[in-house]
Amino acid sequence: MGALIALITVGSTASGATAELAFFETTKDARIATQDPDQYEKVDQPPVGAGGPTYVDRLTPKLVVRDTEIIAITIEDRPPTATVEEVKRQFAQQREGTGPAYYQVAFALTMPAAERARKFLTEHEQVPLGLRFGTRTLGVVVPCGSFDGDTFTTFILTLSRTDLEAAFSSMKERVHWK
């Protein structure tokens, strides 16, 4: 298994035509976000324990994985009653404060994309990042653990199956539901 992304908290409902997976910087500083409201999206449900809204940069991705670099997306329906302890048992590198998972999503990447992601996620361990697929915000993620292979896994807490199907519709032939 590859890296574990600790959490995705909330997603927007805007749909996108492109299929790029992208990571963006975030800030907790409302003053920065209000100086340029077109650049930042307010996410009202930040990572557990972070307190207050998080603002996600909309314009400048820090890492982009093109649709041609995504081999597969595997989505596992997880019971909403899963506890932090249950998640920790499944993923030993999981850290405190991640909360229960609703969907577990694994992105299998081509080796060049996996190498870029490995470097980026290692450099940004424990740093909240905005995660988007196309123009759809999936939420705020906090990378933790190692990224050893070609796959990284995250948890989506607040999007429904319909939301996820819409978000990944441009790649539906590569999306696998468990």
N, C-alpha and C. Protein backbone atom coordinates (compact mmCIF):
# COMPACT_ATOMS: atom_id res chain seq x y z
N MET A 1 0.84 -1.16 0.00
CA MET A 1 0.00 0.00 0.00
C MET A 1 0.89 1.23 0.00
N GLY A 2 0.41 2.28 -0.62
CA GLY A 2 1.16 3.53 -0.66
C GLY A 2 0.84 4.41 0.52
N ALA A 3 1.01 5.69 0.33
CA ALA A 3 0.81 6.66 1.40
C ALA A 3 -0.64 6.69 1.84
N LEU A 4 -0.81 7.04 3.06
CA LEU A 4 -2.14 7.23 3.61
C LEU A 4 -2.36 8.72 3.78
N ILE A 5 -3.39 9.23 3.17
CA ILE A 5 -3.75 10.61 3.37
C ILE A 5 -4.79 10.58 4.48
N ALA A 6 -4.54 11.31 5.54
CA ALA A 6 -5.29 11.14 6.76
C ALA A 6 -6.77 11.44 6.63
N LEU A 7 -7.15 12.41 5.84
CA LEU A 7 -8.55 12.84 5.92
C LEU A 7 -8.94 13.68 4.74
N ILE A 8 -10.13 13.47 4.25
CA ILE A 8 -10.76 14.45 3.39
C ILE A 8 -12.04 14.84 4.12
N THR A 9 -12.23 16.13 4.33
CA THR A 9 -13.31 16.52 5.20
C THR A 9 -14.60 16.93 4.50
N VAL A 10 -14.52 17.64 3.42
CA VAL A 10 -15.73 18.17 2.82
C VAL A 10 -15.47 18.42 1.35
N GLY A 11 -16.51 18.38 0.54
CA GLY A 11 -16.33 18.66 -0.88
C GLY A 11 -17.34 19.64 -1.40
N SER A 12 -16.96 20.36 -2.44
CA SER A 12 -17.90 21.26 -3.08
C SER A 12 -18.70 20.46 -4.10
N THR A 13 -19.76 21.05 -4.62
CA THR A 13 -20.59 20.35 -5.57
C THR A 13 -20.39 20.83 -6.99
N ALA A 14 -19.46 21.73 -7.22
CA ALA A 14 -19.17 22.17 -8.58
C ALA A 14 -18.58 21.01 -9.36
N SER A 15 -19.00 20.85 -10.60
CA SER A 15 -18.45 19.76 -11.39
C SER A 15 -17.42 20.30 -12.36
N GLY A 16 -16.51 19.44 -12.77
CA GLY A 16 -15.45 19.88 -13.65
C GLY A 16 -15.36 19.03 -14.89
N ALA A 17 -14.82 19.62 -15.96
CA ALA A 17 -14.66 18.92 -17.22
C ALA A 17 -13.32 18.21 -17.29
N THR A 18 -12.33 18.70 -16.58
CA THR A 18 -11.01 18.07 -16.62
C THR A 18 -10.94 16.99 -15.57
N ALA A 19 -9.94 16.15 -15.72
CA ALA A 19 -9.82 15.02 -14.80
C ALA A 19 -8.48 15.03 -14.08
N GLU A 20 -7.93 16.18 -13.82
CA GLU A 20 -6.67 16.25 -13.10
C GLU A 20 -6.92 16.18 -11.61
N LEU A 21 -6.05 15.44 -10.94
CA LEU A 21 -6.04 15.39 -9.48
C LEU A 21 -5.00 16.40 -9.04
N ALA A 22 -5.37 17.33 -8.18
CA ALA A 22 -4.43 18.40 -7.82
C ALA A 22 -4.49 18.69 -6.33
N PHE A 23 -3.32 19.01 -5.78
CA PHE A 23 -3.16 19.42 -4.39
C PHE A 23 -2.87 20.91 -4.34
N PHE A 24 -3.51 21.61 -3.38
CA PHE A 24 -3.37 23.06 -3.25
C PHE A 24 -3.00 23.43 -1.82
N GLU A 25 -2.31 24.55 -1.66
CA GLU A 25 -2.00 25.06 -0.33
C GLU A 25 -3.28 25.51 0.35
N THR A 26 -3.23 25.50 1.68
CA THR A 26 -4.35 26.00 2.47
C THR A 26 -3.83 27.03 3.47
N THR A 27 -4.74 27.81 4.00
CA THR A 27 -4.41 28.74 5.07
C THR A 27 -5.57 28.79 6.05
N LYS A 28 -5.25 29.09 7.29
CA LYS A 28 -6.28 29.30 8.32
C LYS A 28 -6.53 30.80 8.51
N ASP A 29 -5.70 31.63 7.86
CA ASP A 29 -5.74 33.08 8.03
C ASP A 29 -6.82 33.70 7.15
N ALA A 30 -7.92 34.08 7.75
CA ALA A 30 -9.04 34.66 7.01
C ALA A 30 -8.64 35.98 6.35
N ARG A 31 -7.69 36.70 6.94
CA ARG A 31 -7.26 37.98 6.35
C ARG A 31 -6.65 37.76 4.97
N ILE A 32 -5.83 36.74 4.85
CA ILE A 32 -5.22 36.43 3.55
C ILE A 32 -6.30 36.08 2.54
N ALA A 33 -7.23 35.24 2.94
CA ALA A 33 -8.29 34.79 2.05
C ALA A 33 -9.21 35.92 1.62
N THR A 34 -9.50 36.86 2.52
CA THR A 34 -10.42 37.95 2.17
C THR A 34 -9.75 39.01 1.31
N GLN A 35 -8.42 39.07 1.32
CA GLN A 35 -7.73 40.01 0.44
C GLN A 35 -7.91 39.64 -1.03
N ASP A 36 -8.05 38.38 -1.31
CA ASP A 36 -8.25 37.90 -2.68
C ASP A 36 -9.26 36.76 -2.67
N PRO A 37 -10.55 37.09 -2.54
CA PRO A 37 -11.57 36.04 -2.40
C PRO A 37 -11.70 35.14 -3.64
N ASP A 38 -11.29 35.61 -4.81
CA ASP A 38 -11.34 34.75 -5.99
C ASP A 38 -10.29 33.66 -5.94
N GLN A 39 -9.25 33.86 -5.13
CA GLN A 39 -8.17 32.88 -5.07
C GLN A 39 -8.45 31.79 -4.05
N TYR A 40 -9.31 32.03 -3.05
CA TYR A 40 -9.49 31.08 -1.96
C TYR A 40 -10.93 30.62 -1.84
N GLU A 41 -11.08 29.33 -1.56
CA GLU A 41 -12.38 28.73 -1.28
C GLU A 41 -12.43 28.40 0.21
N LYS A 42 -13.49 28.81 0.87
CA LYS A 42 -13.64 28.53 2.29
C LYS A 42 -14.20 27.12 2.46
N VAL A 43 -13.51 26.33 3.29
CA VAL A 43 -13.96 24.98 3.62
C VAL A 43 -14.32 25.01 5.09
N ASP A 44 -15.60 24.84 5.40
CA ASP A 44 -16.08 25.02 6.76
C ASP A 44 -15.79 23.85 7.69
N GLN A 45 -15.44 22.71 7.17
CA GLN A 45 -15.14 21.56 8.01
C GLN A 45 -13.68 21.20 7.84
N PRO A 46 -12.80 21.80 8.62
CA PRO A 46 -11.37 21.52 8.49
C PRO A 46 -11.03 20.15 9.07
N PRO A 47 -9.78 19.72 8.91
CA PRO A 47 -9.40 18.46 9.54
C PRO A 47 -9.71 18.48 11.03
N VAL A 48 -10.09 17.32 11.55
CA VAL A 48 -10.47 17.19 12.94
C VAL A 48 -9.37 17.76 13.83
N GLY A 49 -9.76 18.58 14.79
CA GLY A 49 -8.80 19.14 15.73
C GLY A 49 -8.15 20.42 15.25
N ALA A 50 -8.38 20.82 13.98
CA ALA A 50 -7.71 22.00 13.45
C ALA A 50 -8.40 23.30 13.88
N GLY A 51 -9.70 23.26 14.12
CA GLY A 51 -10.45 24.43 14.58
C GLY A 51 -10.63 25.50 13.54
N GLY A 52 -11.86 25.93 13.32
CA GLY A 52 -12.16 27.01 12.40
C GLY A 52 -12.05 26.61 10.94
N PRO A 53 -12.52 27.50 10.05
CA PRO A 53 -12.50 27.18 8.62
C PRO A 53 -11.08 27.17 8.06
N THR A 54 -10.94 26.44 6.97
CA THR A 54 -9.70 26.40 6.21
C THR A 54 -10.00 27.03 4.86
N TYR A 55 -9.05 27.78 4.33
CA TYR A 55 -9.19 28.41 3.02
C TYR A 55 -8.24 27.72 2.06
N VAL A 56 -8.80 27.23 0.94
CA VAL A 56 -8.03 26.47 -0.04
C VAL A 56 -7.76 27.35 -1.26
N ASP A 57 -6.50 27.43 -1.64
CA ASP A 57 -6.12 28.14 -2.86
C ASP A 57 -6.83 27.50 -4.04
N ARG A 58 -7.44 28.31 -4.89
CA ARG A 58 -8.14 27.80 -6.07
C ARG A 58 -7.29 27.83 -7.33
N LEU A 59 -6.23 28.64 -7.35
CA LEU A 59 -5.58 28.99 -8.60
C LEU A 59 -4.25 28.32 -8.89
N THR A 60 -3.49 27.99 -7.86
CA THR A 60 -2.12 27.54 -8.07
C THR A 60 -1.88 26.16 -7.46
N PRO A 61 -2.07 25.10 -8.24
CA PRO A 61 -1.82 23.77 -7.69
C PRO A 61 -0.34 23.56 -7.38
N LYS A 62 -0.08 22.84 -6.30
CA LYS A 62 1.30 22.52 -5.91
C LYS A 62 1.74 21.18 -6.49
N LEU A 63 0.78 20.32 -6.80
CA LEU A 63 1.06 19.06 -7.48
C LEU A 63 -0.15 18.73 -8.33
N VAL A 64 0.10 18.35 -9.59
CA VAL A 64 -0.97 17.94 -10.50
C VAL A 64 -0.65 16.55 -11.03
N VAL A 65 -1.65 15.68 -10.97
CA VAL A 65 -1.57 14.36 -11.57
C VAL A 65 -2.60 14.34 -12.69
N ARG A 66 -2.12 14.25 -13.93
CA ARG A 66 -3.02 14.26 -15.09
C ARG A 66 -3.84 12.97 -15.15
N ASP A 67 -4.98 13.04 -15.80
CA ASP A 67 -5.85 11.86 -15.91
C ASP A 67 -5.13 10.69 -16.56
N THR A 68 -4.22 10.96 -17.48
CA THR A 68 -3.48 9.88 -18.14
C THR A 68 -2.48 9.22 -17.20
N GLU A 69 -2.22 9.83 -16.04
CA GLU A 69 -1.29 9.27 -15.05
C GLU A 69 -2.00 8.51 -13.94
N ILE A 70 -3.33 8.51 -14.00
CA ILE A 70 -4.13 7.77 -13.01
C ILE A 70 -4.54 6.44 -13.65
N ILE A 71 -4.00 5.37 -13.10
CA ILE A 71 -4.29 4.03 -13.64
C ILE A 71 -5.68 3.59 -13.21
N ALA A 72 -6.00 3.78 -11.93
CA ALA A 72 -7.28 3.35 -11.40
C ALA A 72 -7.61 4.11 -10.12
N ILE A 73 -8.89 4.20 -9.85
CA ILE A 73 -9.39 4.75 -8.59
C ILE A 73 -10.28 3.67 -7.98
N THR A 74 -9.90 3.20 -6.80
CA THR A 74 -10.69 2.17 -6.13
C THR A 74 -11.37 2.81 -4.93
N ILE A 75 -12.69 2.69 -4.89
CA ILE A 75 -13.47 3.30 -3.82
C ILE A 75 -14.16 2.20 -3.04
N GLU A 76 -13.89 2.18 -1.75
CA GLU A 76 -14.49 1.18 -0.88
C GLU A 76 -15.49 1.86 0.04
N ASP A 77 -16.71 1.38 0.00
CA ASP A 77 -17.76 1.88 0.88
C ASP A 77 -17.46 1.37 2.28
N ARG A 78 -17.27 2.30 3.21
CA ARG A 78 -16.95 1.93 4.59
C ARG A 78 -18.11 2.36 5.48
N PRO A 79 -18.40 1.60 6.49
CA PRO A 79 -19.52 1.96 7.37
C PRO A 79 -19.24 3.29 8.06
N PRO A 80 -20.24 4.17 8.11
CA PRO A 80 -20.04 5.47 8.74
C PRO A 80 -19.77 5.36 10.23
N THR A 81 -19.94 4.19 10.79
CA THR A 81 -19.69 4.01 12.22
C THR A 81 -18.25 3.60 12.51
N ALA A 82 -17.41 3.51 11.48
CA ALA A 82 -16.02 3.14 11.71
C ALA A 82 -15.38 4.11 12.69
N THR A 83 -14.63 3.59 13.63
CA THR A 83 -13.98 4.44 14.63
C THR A 83 -12.53 4.71 14.24
N VAL A 84 -11.94 5.69 14.87
CA VAL A 84 -10.53 5.98 14.65
C VAL A 84 -9.70 4.74 14.93
N GLU A 85 -10.04 3.99 15.98
CA GLU A 85 -9.30 2.79 16.34
C GLU A 85 -9.39 1.74 15.23
N GLU A 86 -10.58 1.58 14.62
CA GLU A 86 -10.72 0.62 13.53
C GLU A 86 -9.86 1.03 12.33
N VAL A 87 -9.84 2.32 12.03
CA VAL A 87 -9.02 2.81 10.93
C VAL A 87 -7.54 2.57 11.24
N LYS A 88 -7.14 2.83 12.48
CA LYS A 88 -5.74 2.63 12.89
C LYS A 88 -5.33 1.18 12.78
N ARG A 89 -6.23 0.27 13.11
CA ARG A 89 -5.89 -1.15 13.01
C ARG A 89 -5.63 -1.52 11.55
N GLN A 90 -6.41 -0.95 10.64
CA GLN A 90 -6.23 -1.27 9.23
C GLN A 90 -4.98 -0.60 8.67
N PHE A 91 -4.67 0.61 9.10
CA PHE A 91 -3.53 1.36 8.59
C PHE A 91 -2.66 1.78 9.76
N ALA A 92 -1.61 1.03 9.99
CA ALA A 92 -0.76 1.24 11.16
C ALA A 92 -0.15 2.63 11.19
N GLN A 93 0.07 3.26 10.04
CA GLN A 93 0.69 4.58 10.03
C GLN A 93 -0.30 5.71 10.32
N GLN A 94 -1.57 5.38 10.51
CA GLN A 94 -2.58 6.39 10.81
C GLN A 94 -2.25 7.11 12.11
N ARG A 95 -2.48 8.42 12.16
CA ARG A 95 -2.20 9.20 13.36
C ARG A 95 -3.49 9.65 14.02
N GLU A 96 -3.36 10.22 15.19
CA GLU A 96 -4.51 10.68 15.97
C GLU A 96 -5.30 11.75 15.22
N GLY A 97 -6.58 11.85 15.54
CA GLY A 97 -7.40 12.97 15.10
C GLY A 97 -7.94 12.87 13.69
N THR A 98 -8.10 11.67 13.15
CA THR A 98 -8.57 11.58 11.79
C THR A 98 -10.07 11.33 11.67
N GLY A 99 -10.67 10.81 12.69
CA GLY A 99 -12.12 10.60 12.66
C GLY A 99 -12.53 9.41 11.81
N PRO A 100 -13.83 9.12 11.76
CA PRO A 100 -14.33 7.98 11.02
C PRO A 100 -14.32 8.22 9.51
N ALA A 101 -14.23 7.14 8.76
CA ALA A 101 -14.24 7.22 7.30
C ALA A 101 -15.59 6.79 6.75
N TYR A 102 -16.00 7.37 5.65
CA TYR A 102 -17.20 6.94 4.97
C TYR A 102 -16.83 6.19 3.70
N TYR A 103 -15.90 6.75 2.91
CA TYR A 103 -15.37 6.06 1.74
C TYR A 103 -13.85 6.06 1.83
N GLN A 104 -13.27 4.93 1.50
CA GLN A 104 -11.82 4.82 1.37
C GLN A 104 -11.52 4.88 -0.12
N VAL A 105 -10.66 5.79 -0.54
CA VAL A 105 -10.37 5.98 -1.95
C VAL A 105 -8.87 5.78 -2.18
N ALA A 106 -8.54 4.88 -3.09
CA ALA A 106 -7.14 4.61 -3.44
C ALA A 106 -6.90 5.01 -4.89
N PHE A 107 -5.89 5.84 -5.11
CA PHE A 107 -5.49 6.28 -6.44
C PHE A 107 -4.23 5.52 -6.84
N ALA A 108 -4.30 4.69 -7.87
CA ALA A 108 -3.13 4.00 -8.42
C ALA A 108 -2.58 4.87 -9.55
N LEU A 109 -1.29 5.21 -9.46
CA LEU A 109 -0.67 6.15 -10.39
C LEU A 109 0.41 5.47 -11.22
N THR A 110 0.70 6.05 -12.38
CA THR A 110 1.84 5.60 -13.16
C THR A 110 3.10 5.89 -12.36
N MET A 111 4.20 5.23 -12.67
CA MET A 111 5.41 5.40 -11.88
C MET A 111 5.92 6.85 -11.87
N PRO A 112 5.97 7.58 -13.00
CA PRO A 112 6.43 8.97 -12.91
C PRO A 112 5.54 9.83 -11.99
N ALA A 113 4.23 9.64 -12.08
CA ALA A 113 3.32 10.40 -11.21
C ALA A 113 3.49 9.97 -9.76
N ALA A 114 3.67 8.67 -9.54
CA ALA A 114 3.87 8.17 -8.17
C ALA A 114 5.15 8.75 -7.57
N GLU A 115 6.19 8.86 -8.35
CA GLU A 115 7.45 9.43 -7.85
C GLU A 115 7.27 10.90 -7.48
N ARG A 116 6.56 11.67 -8.33
CA ARG A 116 6.28 13.08 -8.00
C ARG A 116 5.44 13.18 -6.73
N ALA A 117 4.41 12.33 -6.66
CA ALA A 117 3.53 12.34 -5.49
C ALA A 117 4.28 11.95 -4.23
N ARG A 118 5.13 10.94 -4.33
CA ARG A 118 5.93 10.48 -3.18
C ARG A 118 6.76 11.64 -2.63
N LYS A 119 7.46 12.35 -3.49
CA LYS A 119 8.29 13.47 -3.07
C LYS A 119 7.44 14.57 -2.45
N PHE A 120 6.35 14.91 -3.11
CA PHE A 120 5.48 15.98 -2.63
C PHE A 120 4.85 15.64 -1.28
N LEU A 121 4.29 14.44 -1.16
CA LEU A 121 3.62 14.04 0.08
C LEU A 121 4.61 13.94 1.24
N THR A 122 5.81 13.49 0.95
CA THR A 122 6.85 13.43 1.99
C THR A 122 7.22 14.82 2.47
N GLU A 123 7.36 15.76 1.53
CA GLU A 123 7.71 17.15 1.88
C GLU A 123 6.57 17.85 2.61
N HIS A 124 5.35 17.38 2.44
CA HIS A 124 4.18 18.03 3.03
C HIS A 124 3.48 17.17 4.09
N GLU A 125 4.24 16.26 4.71
CA GLU A 125 3.65 15.41 5.74
C GLU A 125 3.09 16.28 6.87
N GLN A 126 1.88 15.99 7.27
CA GLN A 126 1.16 16.70 8.34
C GLN A 126 0.81 18.14 7.98
N VAL A 127 0.85 18.49 6.69
CA VAL A 127 0.48 19.83 6.23
C VAL A 127 -0.89 19.73 5.55
N PRO A 128 -1.91 20.43 6.04
CA PRO A 128 -3.21 20.38 5.38
C PRO A 128 -3.12 20.92 3.95
N LEU A 129 -3.70 20.17 3.01
CA LEU A 129 -3.70 20.52 1.60
C LEU A 129 -5.09 20.38 1.04
N GLY A 130 -5.46 21.28 0.14
CA GLY A 130 -6.71 21.14 -0.58
C GLY A 130 -6.54 20.08 -1.66
N LEU A 131 -7.55 19.24 -1.86
CA LEU A 131 -7.50 18.20 -2.88
C LEU A 131 -8.67 18.40 -3.83
N ARG A 132 -8.37 18.48 -5.12
CA ARG A 132 -9.41 18.65 -6.14
C ARG A 132 -9.24 17.60 -7.22
N PHE A 133 -10.37 17.24 -7.80
CA PHE A 133 -10.37 16.42 -9.00
C PHE A 133 -11.12 17.24 -10.04
N GLY A 134 -10.41 17.70 -11.07
CA GLY A 134 -10.99 18.67 -12.00
C GLY A 134 -11.22 19.96 -11.24
N THR A 135 -12.41 20.50 -11.32
CA THR A 135 -12.73 21.70 -10.56
C THR A 135 -13.53 21.39 -9.30
N ARG A 136 -13.73 20.12 -9.01
CA ARG A 136 -14.48 19.72 -7.83
C ARG A 136 -13.54 19.59 -6.64
N THR A 137 -13.82 20.34 -5.60
CA THR A 137 -13.05 20.21 -4.37
C THR A 137 -13.53 18.97 -3.63
N LEU A 138 -12.58 18.06 -3.38
CA LEU A 138 -12.90 16.87 -2.61
C LEU A 138 -12.76 17.15 -1.12
N GLY A 139 -11.89 18.08 -0.76
CA GLY A 139 -11.74 18.44 0.65
C GLY A 139 -10.33 18.82 1.01
N VAL A 140 -10.06 18.74 2.29
CA VAL A 140 -8.74 19.05 2.85
C VAL A 140 -8.14 17.74 3.35
N VAL A 141 -6.92 17.47 2.92
CA VAL A 141 -6.23 16.24 3.30
C VAL A 141 -4.99 16.58 4.10
N VAL A 142 -4.57 15.64 4.94
CA VAL A 142 -3.36 15.79 5.73
C VAL A 142 -2.51 14.55 5.49
N PRO A 143 -1.46 14.65 4.66
CA PRO A 143 -0.63 13.48 4.38
C PRO A 143 0.09 12.98 5.63
N CYS A 144 0.10 11.66 5.81
CA CYS A 144 0.87 11.06 6.89
C CYS A 144 1.25 9.65 6.47
N GLY A 145 2.33 9.17 6.98
CA GLY A 145 2.79 7.84 6.65
C GLY A 145 3.70 7.84 5.45
N SER A 146 4.05 6.65 5.01
CA SER A 146 4.99 6.52 3.90
C SER A 146 4.24 6.36 2.59
N PHE A 147 4.91 6.72 1.53
CA PHE A 147 4.40 6.53 0.19
C PHE A 147 5.40 5.63 -0.52
N ASP A 148 5.18 4.33 -0.41
CA ASP A 148 6.17 3.37 -0.87
C ASP A 148 5.91 2.84 -2.27
N GLY A 149 4.68 2.79 -2.70
CA GLY A 149 4.37 2.17 -3.98
C GLY A 149 3.81 3.18 -4.96
N ASP A 150 2.88 2.71 -5.77
CA ASP A 150 2.29 3.57 -6.79
C ASP A 150 0.87 3.99 -6.43
N THR A 151 0.44 3.76 -5.19
CA THR A 151 -0.93 4.04 -4.77
C THR A 151 -0.94 4.87 -3.50
N PHE A 152 -1.84 5.86 -3.45
CA PHE A 152 -2.06 6.52 -2.17
C PHE A 152 -3.54 6.41 -1.84
N THR A 153 -3.81 6.37 -0.56
CA THR A 153 -5.16 6.13 -0.06
C THR A 153 -5.60 7.29 0.80
N THR A 154 -6.86 7.65 0.70
CA THR A 154 -7.43 8.70 1.52
C THR A 154 -8.84 8.30 1.93
N PHE A 155 -9.44 9.09 2.79
CA PHE A 155 -10.80 8.84 3.25
C PHE A 155 -11.65 10.06 2.95
N ILE A 156 -12.83 9.82 2.42
CA ILE A 156 -13.77 10.89 2.12
C ILE A 156 -14.92 10.74 3.11
N LEU A 157 -15.11 11.77 3.90
CA LEU A 157 -16.08 11.68 4.99
C LEU A 157 -17.46 12.21 4.67
N THR A 158 -17.59 13.21 3.82
CA THR A 158 -18.88 13.86 3.70
C THR A 158 -19.50 13.80 2.31
N LEU A 159 -18.81 13.27 1.32
CA LEU A 159 -19.41 13.17 -0.01
C LEU A 159 -20.17 11.87 -0.14
N SER A 160 -21.26 11.91 -0.86
CA SER A 160 -22.07 10.71 -1.08
C SER A 160 -21.53 9.94 -2.28
N ARG A 161 -22.04 8.75 -2.47
CA ARG A 161 -21.65 7.95 -3.65
C ARG A 161 -21.99 8.71 -4.92
N THR A 162 -23.14 9.35 -4.95
CA THR A 162 -23.54 10.13 -6.12
C THR A 162 -22.55 11.26 -6.38
N ASP A 163 -22.10 11.94 -5.32
CA ASP A 163 -21.10 12.99 -5.47
C ASP A 163 -19.80 12.43 -6.04
N LEU A 164 -19.36 11.28 -5.52
CA LEU A 164 -18.12 10.67 -5.99
C LEU A 164 -18.26 10.19 -7.43
N GLU A 165 -19.40 9.60 -7.77
CA GLU A 165 -19.62 9.18 -9.15
C GLU A 165 -19.55 10.37 -10.10
N ALA A 166 -20.14 11.49 -9.69
CA ALA A 166 -20.09 12.71 -10.51
C ALA A 166 -18.67 13.25 -10.59
N ALA A 167 -17.97 13.26 -9.47
CA ALA A 167 -16.61 13.80 -9.44
C ALA A 167 -15.68 13.02 -10.38
N PHE A 168 -15.82 11.71 -10.40
CA PHE A 168 -14.93 10.86 -11.18
C PHE A 168 -15.56 10.38 -12.49
N SER A 169 -16.64 11.01 -12.93
CA SER A 169 -17.37 10.54 -14.11
C SER A 169 -16.53 10.56 -15.38
N SER A 170 -15.59 11.47 -15.49
CA SER A 170 -14.75 11.52 -16.70
C SER A 170 -13.81 10.33 -16.78
N MET A 171 -13.67 9.60 -15.68
CA MET A 171 -12.79 8.42 -15.64
C MET A 171 -13.56 7.18 -15.19
N LYS A 172 -14.85 7.15 -15.38
CA LYS A 172 -15.66 6.09 -14.80
C LYS A 172 -15.21 4.68 -15.19
N GLU A 173 -14.56 4.53 -16.35
CA GLU A 173 -14.07 3.20 -16.75
C GLU A 173 -12.87 2.76 -15.89
N ARG A 174 -12.24 3.69 -15.16
CA ARG A 174 -11.11 3.34 -14.30
C ARG A 174 -11.48 3.39 -12.82
N VAL A 175 -12.75 3.63 -12.52
CA VAL A 175 -13.20 3.68 -11.13
C VAL A 175 -13.79 2.32 -10.78
N HIS A 176 -13.30 1.76 -9.67
CA HIS A 176 -13.76 0.45 -9.21
C HIS A 176 -14.35 0.60 -7.82
N TRP A 177 -15.58 0.13 -7.65
CA TRP A 177 -16.28 0.21 -6.36
C TRP A 177 -16.21 -1.15 -5.68
N LYS A 178 -15.92 -1.11 -4.38
CA LYS A 178 -15.90 -2.34 -3.58
C LYS A 178 -17.08 -2.32 -2.63
